[in-house]
Protein backbone atom coordinates (compact mmCIF):
# COMPACT_ATOMS: atom_id res chain seq x y z
CA UNK A 1 0.00 0.00 0.00
CA UNK A 2 1.38 3.41 -0.93
CA UNK A 3 1.53 6.29 1.55
CA UNK A 4 -1.29 8.06 -0.35
CA UNK A 5 -3.45 4.95 -0.16
CA UNK A 6 -2.73 4.61 3.56
CA UNK A 7 -3.64 8.27 4.11
CA UNK A 8 -6.91 7.83 2.20
CA UNK A 9 -7.74 4.70 4.22
CA UNK A 10 -7.00 6.49 7.50
CA UNK A 11 -9.15 9.45 6.44
CA UNK A 12 -12.02 7.14 5.47
CA UNK A 13 -11.72 5.33 8.81
CA UNK A 14 -12.06 8.66 10.67
CA UNK A 15 -15.17 9.58 8.71
CA UNK A 16 -16.67 6.09 9.05
CA UNK A 17 -16.11 6.27 12.83
CA UNK A 18 -18.07 9.52 13.01
CA UNK A 19 -15.02 11.77 13.41
CA UNK A 20 -14.96 14.03 10.35
CA UNK A 21 -11.46 15.52 10.06
CA UNK A 22 -12.68 18.80 8.64
CA UNK A 23 -15.33 20.81 6.88
CA UNK A 24 -15.92 21.58 3.22
CA UNK A 25 -17.18 25.01 2.18
CA UNK A 26 -19.52 25.29 -0.78
CA UNK A 27 -20.71 28.10 -3.00
CA UNK A 28 -23.98 26.60 -4.20
CA UNK A 29 -23.03 23.11 -5.37
CA UNK A 30 -19.34 23.96 -5.92
CA UNK A 31 -16.78 23.10 -3.21
CA UNK A 32 -14.63 26.21 -2.66
CA UNK A 33 -12.50 25.26 0.31
CA UNK A 34 -11.67 22.88 3.12
CA UNK A 35 -10.56 23.34 6.72
CA UNK A 36 -9.34 20.72 9.19
CA UNK A 37 -10.74 20.89 12.70
CA UNK A 38 -10.79 18.43 15.55
CA UNK A 39 -9.58 17.75 19.07
CA UNK A 40 -5.84 18.32 19.33
CA UNK A 41 -5.50 14.81 20.75
CA UNK A 42 -6.58 13.36 17.39
CA UNK A 43 -3.60 14.87 15.56
CA UNK A 44 -0.60 12.60 16.06
CA UNK A 45 1.66 15.07 14.25
CA UNK A 46 0.91 17.75 16.87
CA UNK A 47 1.82 15.34 19.66
CA UNK A 48 5.27 14.83 18.07
CA UNK A 49 5.86 18.42 16.99
CA UNK A 50 8.72 20.26 18.71
CA UNK A 51 7.35 23.57 17.36
CA UNK A 52 3.60 23.31 17.99
CA UNK A 53 3.69 21.97 21.53
CA UNK A 54 0.67 22.24 23.79
CA UNK A 55 0.96 25.30 26.01
CA UNK A 56 -1.04 23.73 28.85
CA UNK A 57 -3.17 20.69 29.62
CA UNK A 58 -6.52 22.25 28.72
CA UNK A 59 -8.66 20.33 26.21
CA UNK A 60 -8.42 22.21 22.95
CA UNK A 61 -9.55 21.78 19.37
CA UNK A 62 -7.09 22.52 16.59
CA UNK A 63 -7.33 24.02 13.13
CA UNK A 64 -4.19 22.85 11.38
CA UNK A 65 -4.88 23.27 7.68
CA UNK A 66 -7.11 25.02 5.21
CA UNK A 67 -7.21 24.94 1.44
CA UNK A 68 -8.85 27.43 -0.88
CA UNK A 69 -8.20 26.96 -4.61
CA UNK A 70 -6.70 30.01 -6.33
CA UNK A 71 -9.88 30.78 -8.26
CA UNK A 72 -11.80 31.24 -4.99
CA UNK A 73 -9.24 33.28 -3.05
CA UNK A 74 -9.77 36.92 -2.14
CA UNK A 75 -13.50 36.36 -1.62
CA UNK A 76 -13.55 35.71 2.13
CA UNK A 77 -13.69 31.91 1.80
CA UNK A 78 -10.87 31.25 4.27
CA UNK A 79 -12.42 33.58 6.86
CA UNK A 80 -15.81 31.90 6.45
CA UNK A 81 -14.23 28.45 6.73
CA UNK A 82 -12.47 29.45 9.95
CA UNK A 83 -15.68 30.89 11.39
CA UNK A 84 -17.46 27.65 10.46
CA UNK A 85 -14.71 25.56 12.06
CA UNK A 86 -14.99 27.54 15.30
CA UNK A 87 -18.79 27.23 15.31
CA UNK A 88 -18.57 23.49 14.63
CA UNK A 89 -16.02 22.96 17.41
CA UNK A 90 -18.19 24.91 19.84
CA UNK A 91 -21.22 22.83 18.86
CA UNK A 92 -19.17 19.70 19.61
CA UNK A 93 -18.38 21.01 23.11
CA UNK A 94 -15.05 22.75 22.53
CA UNK A 95 -14.30 25.72 24.75
CA UNK A 96 -10.85 26.46 23.27
CA UNK A 97 -9.76 26.47 19.63
CA UNK A 98 -6.20 27.04 18.42
CA UNK A 99 -4.71 27.46 14.96
CA UNK A 100 -1.25 27.57 13.47
CA UNK A 101 -1.05 30.30 10.83
CA UNK A 102 1.98 30.25 8.58
CA UNK A 103 3.05 33.06 6.30
CA UNK A 104 4.63 31.61 3.21
CA UNK A 105 7.45 33.54 1.57
CA UNK A 106 6.37 35.70 -1.35
PDB file of N, CA and C in Angstrom:
ATOM      1  N   UNK A   1       0.848  -1.176   0.000  1.00  0.00           N
ATOM      2  CA  UNK A   1       0.000   0.000   0.000  1.00  0.00           C
ATOM      3  C   UNK A   1       0.894   1.241   0.000  1.00  0.00           C
ATOM      4  N   UNK A   2       0.595   2.181  -0.880  1.00  0.00           N
ATOM      5  CA  UNK A   2       1.381   3.414  -0.933  1.00  0.00           C
ATOM      6  C   UNK A   2       0.997   4.314   0.238  1.00  0.00           C
ATOM      7  N   UNK A   3       1.818   5.328   0.480  1.00  0.00           N
ATOM      8  CA  UNK A   3       1.528   6.292   1.550  1.00  0.00           C
ATOM      9  C   UNK A   3       0.203   7.009   1.284  1.00  0.00           C
ATOM     10  N   UNK A   4      -0.033   7.384   0.013  1.00  0.00           N
ATOM     11  CA  UNK A   4      -1.289   8.059  -0.348  1.00  0.00           C
ATOM     12  C   UNK A   4      -2.485   7.155  -0.074  1.00  0.00           C
ATOM     13  N   UNK A   5      -2.361   5.889  -0.415  1.00  0.00           N
ATOM     14  CA  UNK A   5      -3.455   4.948  -0.157  1.00  0.00           C
ATOM     15  C   UNK A   5      -3.684   4.781   1.346  1.00  0.00           C
ATOM     16  N   UNK A   6      -2.612   4.719   2.105  1.00  0.00           N
ATOM     17  CA  UNK A   6      -2.725   4.606   3.555  1.00  0.00           C
ATOM     18  C   UNK A   6      -3.391   5.845   4.146  1.00  0.00           C
ATOM     19  N   UNK A   7      -3.024   7.023   3.636  1.00  0.00           N
ATOM     20  CA  UNK A   7      -3.636   8.267   4.111  1.00  0.00           C
ATOM     21  C   UNK A   7      -5.133   8.288   3.807  1.00  0.00           C
ATOM     22  N   UNK A   8      -5.500   7.868   2.578  1.00  0.00           N
ATOM     23  CA  UNK A   8      -6.914   7.827   2.203  1.00  0.00           C
ATOM     24  C   UNK A   8      -7.687   6.850   3.098  1.00  0.00           C
ATOM     25  N   UNK A   9      -7.087   5.697   3.364  1.00  0.00           N
ATOM     26  CA  UNK A   9      -7.737   4.695   4.216  1.00  0.00           C
ATOM     27  C   UNK A   9      -7.915   5.232   5.636  1.00  0.00           C
ATOM     28  N   UNK A  10      -6.913   5.914   6.155  1.00  0.00           N
ATOM     29  CA  UNK A  10      -7.001   6.488   7.503  1.00  0.00           C
ATOM     30  C   UNK A  10      -8.073   7.570   7.557  1.00  0.00           C
ATOM     31  N   UNK A  11      -8.141   8.398   6.520  1.00  0.00           N
ATOM     32  CA  UNK A  11      -9.151   9.453   6.443  1.00  0.00           C
ATOM     33  C   UNK A  11     -10.549   8.842   6.393  1.00  0.00           C
ATOM     34  N   UNK A  12     -10.723   7.822   5.578  1.00  0.00           N
ATOM     35  CA  UNK A  12     -12.018   7.145   5.470  1.00  0.00           C
ATOM     36  C   UNK A  12     -12.405   6.531   6.803  1.00  0.00           C
ATOM     37  N   UNK A  13     -11.442   5.939   7.507  1.00  0.00           N
ATOM     38  CA  UNK A  13     -11.719   5.333   8.812  1.00  0.00           C
ATOM     39  C   UNK A  13     -12.210   6.379   9.809  1.00  0.00           C
ATOM     40  N   UNK A  14     -11.605   7.573   9.783  1.00  0.00           N
ATOM     41  CA  UNK A  14     -12.059   8.656  10.666  1.00  0.00           C
ATOM     42  C   UNK A  14     -13.506   9.026  10.376  1.00  0.00           C
ATOM     43  N   UNK A  15     -13.810   9.195   9.109  1.00  0.00           N
ATOM     44  CA  UNK A  15     -15.167   9.581   8.713  1.00  0.00           C
ATOM     45  C   UNK A  15     -16.150   8.471   9.073  1.00  0.00           C
ATOM     46  N   UNK A  16     -15.793   7.229   8.753  1.00  0.00           N
ATOM     47  CA  UNK A  16     -16.669   6.093   9.054  1.00  0.00           C
ATOM     48  C   UNK A  16     -16.927   5.953  10.547  1.00  0.00           C
ATOM     49  N   UNK A  17     -15.962   6.355  11.367  1.00  0.00           N
ATOM     50  CA  UNK A  17     -16.109   6.265  12.825  1.00  0.00           C
ATOM     51  C   UNK A  17     -16.879   7.457  13.403  1.00  0.00           C
ATOM     52  N   UNK A  18     -17.315   8.366  12.531  1.00  0.00           N
ATOM     53  CA  UNK A  18     -18.071   9.520  13.011  1.00  0.00           C
ATOM     54  C   UNK A  18     -17.208  10.676  13.468  1.00  0.00           C
ATOM     55  N   UNK A  19     -15.943  10.698  13.051  1.00  0.00           N
ATOM     56  CA  UNK A  19     -15.019  11.772  13.414  1.00  0.00           C
ATOM     57  C   UNK A  19     -14.551  12.497  12.148  1.00  0.00           C
ATOM     58  N   UNK A  20     -15.403  13.341  11.568  1.00  0.00           N
ATOM     59  CA  UNK A  20     -14.963  14.027  10.352  1.00  0.00           C
ATOM     60  C   UNK A  20     -13.731  14.888  10.643  1.00  0.00           C
ATOM     61  N   UNK A  21     -12.711  14.804   9.801  1.00  0.00           N
ATOM     62  CA  UNK A  21     -11.464  15.524  10.055  1.00  0.00           C
ATOM     63  C   UNK A  21     -11.493  16.984   9.618  1.00  0.00           C
ATOM     64  N   UNK A  22     -12.614  17.420   9.087  1.00  0.00           N
ATOM     65  CA  UNK A  22     -12.681  18.798   8.640  1.00  0.00           C
ATOM     66  C   UNK A  22     -14.021  19.121   8.025  1.00  0.00           C
ATOM     67  N   UNK A  23     -14.096  20.313   7.490  1.00  0.00           N
ATOM     68  CA  UNK A  23     -15.331  20.814   6.883  1.00  0.00           C
ATOM     69  C   UNK A  23     -15.045  21.275   5.465  1.00  0.00           C
ATOM     70  N   UNK A  24     -16.025  21.114   4.596  1.00  0.00           N
ATOM     71  CA  UNK A  24     -15.924  21.583   3.217  1.00  0.00           C
ATOM     72  C   UNK A  24     -16.856  22.768   3.070  1.00  0.00           C
ATOM     73  N   UNK A  25     -16.357  23.840   2.461  1.00  0.00           N
ATOM     74  CA  UNK A  25     -17.177  25.009   2.178  1.00  0.00           C
ATOM     75  C   UNK A  25     -17.664  24.963   0.740  1.00  0.00           C
ATOM     76  N   UNK A  26     -18.912  25.292   0.550  1.00  0.00           N
ATOM     77  CA  UNK A  26     -19.519  25.286  -0.781  1.00  0.00           C
ATOM     78  C   UNK A  26     -20.045  26.664  -1.147  1.00  0.00           C
ATOM     79  N   UNK A  27     -20.002  26.965  -2.423  1.00  0.00           N
ATOM     80  CA  UNK A  27     -20.715  28.101  -2.998  1.00  0.00           C
ATOM     81  C   UNK A  27     -21.734  27.468  -3.929  1.00  0.00           C
ATOM     82  N   UNK A  28     -22.979  27.374  -3.467  1.00  0.00           N
ATOM     83  CA  UNK A  28     -23.979  26.603  -4.202  1.00  0.00           C
ATOM     84  C   UNK A  28     -23.598  25.134  -4.139  1.00  0.00           C
ATOM     85  N   UNK A  29     -23.409  24.512  -5.293  1.00  0.00           N
ATOM     86  CA  UNK A  29     -23.028  23.108  -5.369  1.00  0.00           C
ATOM     87  C   UNK A  29     -21.522  22.909  -5.541  1.00  0.00           C
ATOM     88  N   UNK A  30     -20.777  24.016  -5.612  1.00  0.00           N
ATOM     89  CA  UNK A  30     -19.342  23.956  -5.916  1.00  0.00           C
ATOM     90  C   UNK A  30     -18.517  24.029  -4.636  1.00  0.00           C
ATOM     91  N   UNK A  31     -17.671  23.008  -4.371  1.00  0.00           N
ATOM     92  CA  UNK A  31     -16.784  23.102  -3.212  1.00  0.00           C
ATOM     93  C   UNK A  31     -15.721  24.179  -3.460  1.00  0.00           C
ATOM     94  N   UNK A  32     -15.571  25.097  -2.493  1.00  0.00           N
ATOM     95  CA  UNK A  32     -14.635  26.210  -2.664  1.00  0.00           C
ATOM     96  C   UNK A  32     -13.533  26.242  -1.608  1.00  0.00           C
ATOM     97  N   UNK A  33     -13.555  25.282  -0.686  1.00  0.00           N
ATOM     98  CA  UNK A  33     -12.500  25.256   0.315  1.00  0.00           C
ATOM     99  C   UNK A  33     -12.718  24.156   1.332  1.00  0.00           C
ATOM    100  N   UNK A  34     -11.661  23.915   2.091  1.00  0.00           N
ATOM    101  CA  UNK A  34     -11.673  22.879   3.120  1.00  0.00           C
ATOM    102  C   UNK A  34     -10.863  23.374   4.305  1.00  0.00           C
ATOM    103  N   UNK A  35     -11.289  23.007   5.513  1.00  0.00           N
ATOM    104  CA  UNK A  35     -10.556  23.339   6.724  1.00  0.00           C
ATOM    105  C   UNK A  35     -10.565  22.124   7.655  1.00  0.00           C
ATOM    106  N   UNK A  36      -9.408  21.800   8.205  1.00  0.00           N
ATOM    107  CA  UNK A  36      -9.337  20.724   9.193  1.00  0.00           C
ATOM    108  C   UNK A  36      -9.732  21.298  10.541  1.00  0.00           C
ATOM    109  N   UNK A  37     -10.408  20.482  11.343  1.00  0.00           N
ATOM    110  CA  UNK A  37     -10.744  20.890  12.704  1.00  0.00           C
ATOM    111  C   UNK A  37     -11.062  19.633  13.499  1.00  0.00           C
ATOM    112  N   UNK A  38     -10.527  19.578  14.689  1.00  0.00           N
ATOM    113  CA  UNK A  38     -10.786  18.434  15.553  1.00  0.00           C
ATOM    114  C   UNK A  38     -10.039  18.584  16.858  1.00  0.00           C
ATOM    115  N   UNK A  39     -10.314  17.704  17.805  1.00  0.00           N
ATOM    116  CA  UNK A  39      -9.583  17.755  19.071  1.00  0.00           C
ATOM    117  C   UNK A  39      -8.084  17.575  18.832  1.00  0.00           C
ATOM    118  N   UNK A  40      -7.300  18.383  19.488  1.00  0.00           N
ATOM    119  CA  UNK A  40      -5.844  18.317  19.334  1.00  0.00           C
ATOM    120  C   UNK A  40      -5.318  16.894  19.548  1.00  0.00           C
ATOM    121  N   UNK A  41      -5.937  16.160  20.439  1.00  0.00           N
ATOM    122  CA  UNK A  41      -5.498  14.806  20.754  1.00  0.00           C
ATOM    123  C   UNK A  41      -5.620  13.850  19.567  1.00  0.00           C
ATOM    124  N   UNK A  42      -6.414  14.214  18.568  1.00  0.00           N
ATOM    125  CA  UNK A  42      -6.582  13.363  17.393  1.00  0.00           C
ATOM    126  C   UNK A  42      -5.511  13.602  16.325  1.00  0.00           C
ATOM    127  N   UNK A  43      -4.642  14.557  16.535  1.00  0.00           N
ATOM    128  CA  UNK A  43      -3.597  14.871  15.562  1.00  0.00           C
ATOM    129  C   UNK A  43      -2.246  14.376  16.074  1.00  0.00           C
ATOM    130  N   UNK A  44      -1.857  13.200  15.618  1.00  0.00           N
ATOM    131  CA  UNK A  44      -0.596  12.598  16.060  1.00  0.00           C
ATOM    132  C   UNK A  44       0.595  13.506  15.753  1.00  0.00           C
ATOM    133  N   UNK A  45       0.545  14.203  14.636  1.00  0.00           N
ATOM    134  CA  UNK A  45       1.665  15.073  14.254  1.00  0.00           C
ATOM    135  C   UNK A  45       1.865  16.191  15.284  1.00  0.00           C
ATOM    136  N   UNK A  46       0.782  16.701  15.848  1.00  0.00           N
ATOM    137  CA  UNK A  46       0.906  17.747  16.866  1.00  0.00           C
ATOM    138  C   UNK A  46       1.544  17.198  18.137  1.00  0.00           C
ATOM    139  N   UNK A  47       1.230  15.955  18.461  1.00  0.00           N
ATOM    140  CA  UNK A  47       1.824  15.337  19.656  1.00  0.00           C
ATOM    141  C   UNK A  47       3.340  15.237  19.530  1.00  0.00           C
ATOM    142  N   UNK A  48       3.829  15.007  18.310  1.00  0.00           N
ATOM    143  CA  UNK A  48       5.269  14.833  18.072  1.00  0.00           C
ATOM    144  C   UNK A  48       5.992  16.139  17.754  1.00  0.00           C
ATOM    145  N   UNK A  49       5.255  17.187  17.466  1.00  0.00           N
ATOM    146  CA  UNK A  49       5.863  18.422  16.989  1.00  0.00           C
ATOM    147  C   UNK A  49       6.674  19.143  18.063  1.00  0.00           C
ATOM    148  N   UNK A  50       7.935  19.476  17.763  1.00  0.00           N
ATOM    149  CA  UNK A  50       8.717  20.265  18.710  1.00  0.00           C
ATOM    150  C   UNK A  50       8.357  21.759  18.636  1.00  0.00           C
ATOM    151  N   UNK A  51       7.678  22.153  17.569  1.00  0.00           N
ATOM    152  CA  UNK A  51       7.348  23.565  17.358  1.00  0.00           C
ATOM    153  C   UNK A  51       5.952  23.906  17.872  1.00  0.00           C
ATOM    154  N   UNK A  52       4.988  23.030  17.636  1.00  0.00           N
ATOM    155  CA  UNK A  52       3.597  23.308  17.988  1.00  0.00           C
ATOM    156  C   UNK A  52       3.184  22.542  19.235  1.00  0.00           C
ATOM    157  N   UNK A  53       3.968  22.672  20.278  1.00  0.00           N
ATOM    158  CA  UNK A  53       3.695  21.974  21.531  1.00  0.00           C
ATOM    159  C   UNK A  53       2.472  22.575  22.214  1.00  0.00           C
ATOM    160  N   UNK A  54       1.780  21.739  22.975  1.00  0.00           N
ATOM    161  CA  UNK A  54       0.673  22.235  23.788  1.00  0.00           C
ATOM    162  C   UNK A  54       1.224  23.225  24.812  1.00  0.00           C
ATOM    163  N   UNK A  55       0.501  24.296  25.053  1.00  0.00           N
ATOM    164  CA  UNK A  55       0.964  25.304  26.008  1.00  0.00           C
ATOM    165  C   UNK A  55       0.477  25.010  27.428  1.00  0.00           C
ATOM    166  N   UNK A  56      -0.537  24.139  27.542  1.00  0.00           N
ATOM    167  CA  UNK A  56      -1.035  23.730  28.853  1.00  0.00           C
ATOM    168  C   UNK A  56      -1.784  22.415  28.676  1.00  0.00           C
ATOM    169  N   UNK A  57      -2.477  21.972  29.707  1.00  0.00           N
ATOM    170  CA  UNK A  57      -3.166  20.689  29.618  1.00  0.00           C
ATOM    171  C   UNK A  57      -4.669  20.842  29.390  1.00  0.00           C
ATOM    172  N   UNK A  58      -5.099  22.019  28.991  1.00  0.00           N
ATOM    173  CA  UNK A  58      -6.515  22.254  28.721  1.00  0.00           C
ATOM    174  C   UNK A  58      -6.948  21.509  27.463  1.00  0.00           C
ATOM    175  N   UNK A  59      -8.177  20.970  27.441  1.00  0.00           N
ATOM    176  CA  UNK A  59      -8.664  20.335  26.214  1.00  0.00           C
ATOM    177  C   UNK A  59      -8.903  21.412  25.151  1.00  0.00           C
ATOM    178  N   UNK A  60      -8.350  21.202  23.999  1.00  0.00           N
ATOM    179  CA  UNK A  60      -8.421  22.211  22.951  1.00  0.00           C
ATOM    180  C   UNK A  60      -8.677  21.537  21.606  1.00  0.00           C
ATOM    181  N   UNK A  61      -9.375  22.229  20.745  1.00  0.00           N
ATOM    182  CA  UNK A  61      -9.554  21.783  19.371  1.00  0.00           C
ATOM    183  C   UNK A  61      -8.560  22.551  18.518  1.00  0.00           C
ATOM    184  N   UNK A  62      -8.115  21.924  17.443  1.00  0.00           N
ATOM    185  CA  UNK A  62      -7.089  22.520  16.587  1.00  0.00           C
ATOM    186  C   UNK A  62      -7.554  22.663  15.151  1.00  0.00           C
ATOM    187  N   UNK A  63      -7.185  23.779  14.568  1.00  0.00           N
ATOM    188  CA  UNK A  63      -7.333  24.017  13.133  1.00  0.00           C
ATOM    189  C   UNK A  63      -5.917  23.999  12.599  1.00  0.00           C
ATOM    190  N   UNK A  64      -5.578  22.972  11.813  1.00  0.00           N
ATOM    191  CA  UNK A  64      -4.188  22.855  11.376  1.00  0.00           C
ATOM    192  C   UNK A  64      -3.976  23.088   9.894  1.00  0.00           C
ATOM    193  N   UNK A  65      -5.059  23.131   9.119  1.00  0.00           N
ATOM    194  CA  UNK A  65      -4.877  23.269   7.681  1.00  0.00           C
ATOM    195  C   UNK A  65      -6.148  23.817   7.055  1.00  0.00           C
ATOM    196  N   UNK A  66      -5.973  24.611   6.038  1.00  0.00           N
ATOM    197  CA  UNK A  66      -7.111  25.016   5.207  1.00  0.00           C
ATOM    198  C   UNK A  66      -6.621  25.124   3.776  1.00  0.00           C
ATOM    199  N   UNK A  67      -7.535  24.881   2.866  1.00  0.00           N
ATOM    200  CA  UNK A  67      -7.212  24.937   1.444  1.00  0.00           C
ATOM    201  C   UNK A  67      -8.317  25.691   0.732  1.00  0.00           C
ATOM    202  N   UNK A  68      -7.926  26.705  -0.026  1.00  0.00           N
ATOM    203  CA  UNK A  68      -8.848  27.427  -0.885  1.00  0.00           C
ATOM    204  C   UNK A  68      -8.188  27.516  -2.258  1.00  0.00           C
ATOM    205  N   UNK A  69      -8.787  26.894  -3.274  1.00  0.00           N
ATOM    206  CA  UNK A  69      -8.199  26.963  -4.611  1.00  0.00           C
ATOM    207  C   UNK A  69      -8.048  28.417  -5.078  1.00  0.00           C
ATOM    208  N   UNK A  70      -7.036  28.652  -5.885  1.00  0.00           N
ATOM    209  CA  UNK A  70      -6.696  30.006  -6.333  1.00  0.00           C
ATOM    210  C   UNK A  70      -7.894  30.766  -6.890  1.00  0.00           C
ATOM    211  N   UNK A  71      -8.750  30.076  -7.634  1.00  0.00           N
ATOM    212  CA  UNK A  71      -9.876  30.780  -8.259  1.00  0.00           C
ATOM    213  C   UNK A  71     -10.932  31.253  -7.260  1.00  0.00           C
ATOM    214  N   UNK A  72     -10.834  30.817  -6.002  1.00  0.00           N
ATOM    215  CA  UNK A  72     -11.802  31.236  -4.991  1.00  0.00           C
ATOM    216  C   UNK A  72     -11.179  32.112  -3.906  1.00  0.00           C
ATOM    217  N   UNK A  73      -9.911  32.441  -4.046  1.00  0.00           N
ATOM    218  CA  UNK A  73      -9.237  33.277  -3.049  1.00  0.00           C
ATOM    219  C   UNK A  73      -9.639  34.742  -3.204  1.00  0.00           C
ATOM    220  N   UNK A  74      -9.455  35.493  -2.119  1.00  0.00           N
ATOM    221  CA  UNK A  74      -9.765  36.919  -2.137  1.00  0.00           C
ATOM    222  C   UNK A  74     -11.255  37.204  -2.053  1.00  0.00           C
ATOM    223  N   UNK A  75     -12.044  36.196  -1.694  1.00  0.00           N
ATOM    224  CA  UNK A  75     -13.495  36.363  -1.619  1.00  0.00           C
ATOM    225  C   UNK A  75     -14.032  36.096  -0.212  1.00  0.00           C
ATOM    226  N   UNK A  76     -13.130  35.954   0.753  1.00  0.00           N
ATOM    227  CA  UNK A  76     -13.545  35.713   2.130  1.00  0.00           C
ATOM    228  C   UNK A  76     -13.816  34.254   2.464  1.00  0.00           C
ATOM    229  N   UNK A  77     -13.434  33.338   1.567  1.00  0.00           N
ATOM    230  CA  UNK A  77     -13.695  31.913   1.801  1.00  0.00           C
ATOM    231  C   UNK A  77     -12.940  31.414   3.033  1.00  0.00           C
ATOM    232  N   UNK A  78     -11.665  31.735   3.145  1.00  0.00           N
ATOM    233  CA  UNK A  78     -10.867  31.253   4.272  1.00  0.00           C
ATOM    234  C   UNK A  78     -11.442  31.756   5.602  1.00  0.00           C
ATOM    235  N   UNK A  79     -11.834  33.007   5.633  1.00  0.00           N
ATOM    236  CA  UNK A  79     -12.420  33.577   6.856  1.00  0.00           C
ATOM    237  C   UNK A  79     -13.718  32.851   7.216  1.00  0.00           C
ATOM    238  N   UNK A  80     -14.549  32.599   6.218  1.00  0.00           N
ATOM    239  CA  UNK A  80     -15.810  31.903   6.453  1.00  0.00           C
ATOM    240  C   UNK A  80     -15.567  30.470   6.906  1.00  0.00           C
ATOM    241  N   UNK A  81     -14.577  29.802   6.298  1.00  0.00           N
ATOM    242  CA  UNK A  81     -14.230  28.450   6.730  1.00  0.00           C
ATOM    243  C   UNK A  81     -13.775  28.438   8.186  1.00  0.00           C
ATOM    244  N   UNK A  82     -12.945  29.389   8.567  1.00  0.00           N
ATOM    245  CA  UNK A  82     -12.467  29.451   9.951  1.00  0.00           C
ATOM    246  C   UNK A  82     -13.622  29.709  10.910  1.00  0.00           C
ATOM    247  N   UNK A  83     -14.513  30.623  10.549  1.00  0.00           N
ATOM    248  CA  UNK A  83     -15.681  30.886  11.394  1.00  0.00           C
ATOM    249  C   UNK A  83     -16.544  29.628  11.529  1.00  0.00           C
ATOM    250  N   UNK A  84     -16.699  28.894  10.422  1.00  0.00           N
ATOM    251  CA  UNK A  84     -17.465  27.650  10.459  1.00  0.00           C
ATOM    252  C   UNK A  84     -16.790  26.599  11.324  1.00  0.00           C
ATOM    253  N   UNK A  85     -15.454  26.519  11.250  1.00  0.00           N
ATOM    254  CA  UNK A  85     -14.711  25.556  12.064  1.00  0.00           C
ATOM    255  C   UNK A  85     -14.879  25.868  13.550  1.00  0.00           C
ATOM    256  N   UNK A  86     -14.813  27.137  13.896  1.00  0.00           N
ATOM    257  CA  UNK A  86     -14.987  27.542  15.296  1.00  0.00           C
ATOM    258  C   UNK A  86     -16.398  27.212  15.764  1.00  0.00           C
ATOM    259  N   UNK A  87     -17.398  27.519  14.952  1.00  0.00           N
ATOM    260  CA  UNK A  87     -18.786  27.231  15.313  1.00  0.00           C
ATOM    261  C   UNK A  87     -19.016  25.729  15.463  1.00  0.00           C
ATOM    262  N   UNK A  88     -18.437  24.948  14.562  1.00  0.00           N
ATOM    263  CA  UNK A  88     -18.572  23.491  14.629  1.00  0.00           C
ATOM    264  C   UNK A  88     -17.923  22.953  15.901  1.00  0.00           C
ATOM    265  N   UNK A  89     -16.722  23.412  16.205  1.00  0.00           N
ATOM    266  CA  UNK A  89     -16.024  22.960  17.407  1.00  0.00           C
ATOM    267  C   UNK A  89     -16.844  23.294  18.657  1.00  0.00           C
ATOM    268  N   UNK A  90     -17.376  24.495  18.692  1.00  0.00           N
ATOM    269  CA  UNK A  90     -18.189  24.909  19.838  1.00  0.00           C
ATOM    270  C   UNK A  90     -19.415  24.013  19.972  1.00  0.00           C
ATOM    271  N   UNK A  91     -20.045  23.697  18.851  1.00  0.00           N
ATOM    272  CA  UNK A  91     -21.222  22.831  18.862  1.00  0.00           C
ATOM    273  C   UNK A  91     -20.880  21.428  19.362  1.00  0.00           C
ATOM    274  N   UNK A  92     -19.625  21.013  19.157  1.00  0.00           N
ATOM    275  CA  UNK A  92     -19.171  19.704  19.611  1.00  0.00           C
ATOM    276  C   UNK A  92     -18.683  19.732  21.062  1.00  0.00           C
ATOM    277  N   UNK A  93     -18.753  20.899  21.709  1.00  0.00           N
ATOM    278  CA  UNK A  93     -18.378  21.007  23.112  1.00  0.00           C
ATOM    279  C   UNK A  93     -17.039  21.669  23.377  1.00  0.00           C
ATOM    280  N   UNK A  94     -16.349  22.099  22.338  1.00  0.00           N
ATOM    281  CA  UNK A  94     -15.054  22.751  22.533  1.00  0.00           C
ATOM    282  C   UNK A  94     -15.235  24.102  23.215  1.00  0.00           C
ATOM    283  N   UNK A  95     -14.314  24.401  24.113  1.00  0.00           N
ATOM    284  CA  UNK A  95     -14.300  25.721  24.755  1.00  0.00           C
ATOM    285  C   UNK A  95     -13.063  26.510  24.340  1.00  0.00           C
ATOM    286  N   UNK A  96     -12.069  25.819  23.770  1.00  0.00           N
ATOM    287  CA  UNK A  96     -10.853  26.460  23.272  1.00  0.00           C
ATOM    288  C   UNK A  96     -10.552  25.935  21.865  1.00  0.00           C
ATOM    289  N   UNK A  97     -10.161  26.841  20.982  1.00  0.00           N
ATOM    290  CA  UNK A  97      -9.757  26.465  19.626  1.00  0.00           C
ATOM    291  C   UNK A  97      -8.449  27.182  19.335  1.00  0.00           C
ATOM    292  N   UNK A  98      -7.479  26.441  18.782  1.00  0.00           N
ATOM    293  CA  UNK A  98      -6.198  27.040  18.420  1.00  0.00           C
ATOM    294  C   UNK A  98      -5.932  26.781  16.946  1.00  0.00           C
ATOM    295  N   UNK A  99      -5.088  27.615  16.369  1.00  0.00           N
ATOM    296  CA  UNK A  99      -4.714  27.459  14.962  1.00  0.00           C
ATOM    297  C   UNK A  99      -3.232  27.780  14.826  1.00  0.00           C
ATOM    298  N   UNK A 100      -2.685  27.435  13.691  1.00  0.00           N
ATOM    299  CA  UNK A 100      -1.248  27.565  13.466  1.00  0.00           C
ATOM    300  C   UNK A 100      -0.996  28.286  12.145  1.00  0.00           C
ATOM    301  N   UNK A 101      -1.238  29.585  12.099  1.00  0.00           N
ATOM    302  CA  UNK A 101      -1.049  30.301  10.832  1.00  0.00           C
ATOM    303  C   UNK A 101       0.426  30.318  10.417  1.00  0.00           C
ATOM    304  N   UNK A 102       0.629  30.211   9.139  1.00  0.00           N
ATOM    305  CA  UNK A 102       1.977  30.246   8.575  1.00  0.00           C
ATOM    306  C   UNK A 102       1.982  31.197   7.397  1.00  0.00           C
ATOM    307  N   UNK A 103       2.863  32.179   7.436  1.00  0.00           N
ATOM    308  CA  UNK A 103       3.046  33.061   6.297  1.00  0.00           C
ATOM    309  C   UNK A 103       4.087  32.449   5.379  1.00  0.00           C
ATOM    310  N   UNK A 104       3.683  32.154   4.161  1.00  0.00           N
ATOM    311  CA  UNK A 104       4.634  31.608   3.209  1.00  0.00           C
ATOM    312  C   UNK A 104       5.413  32.746   2.568  1.00  0.00           C
ATOM    313  N   UNK A 105       6.669  32.497   2.229  1.00  0.00           N
ATOM    314  CA  UNK A 105       7.451  33.543   1.574  1.00  0.00           C
ATOM    315  C   UNK A 105       6.818  33.943   0.250  1.00  0.00           C
ATOM    316  N   UNK A 106       6.959  35.196  -0.100  1.00  0.00           N
ATOM    317  CA  UNK A 106       6.368  35.697  -1.348  1.00  0.00           C
ATOM    318  C   UNK A 106       6.972  35.009  -2.548  1.00  0.00           C
TER     319      UNK A 106
END
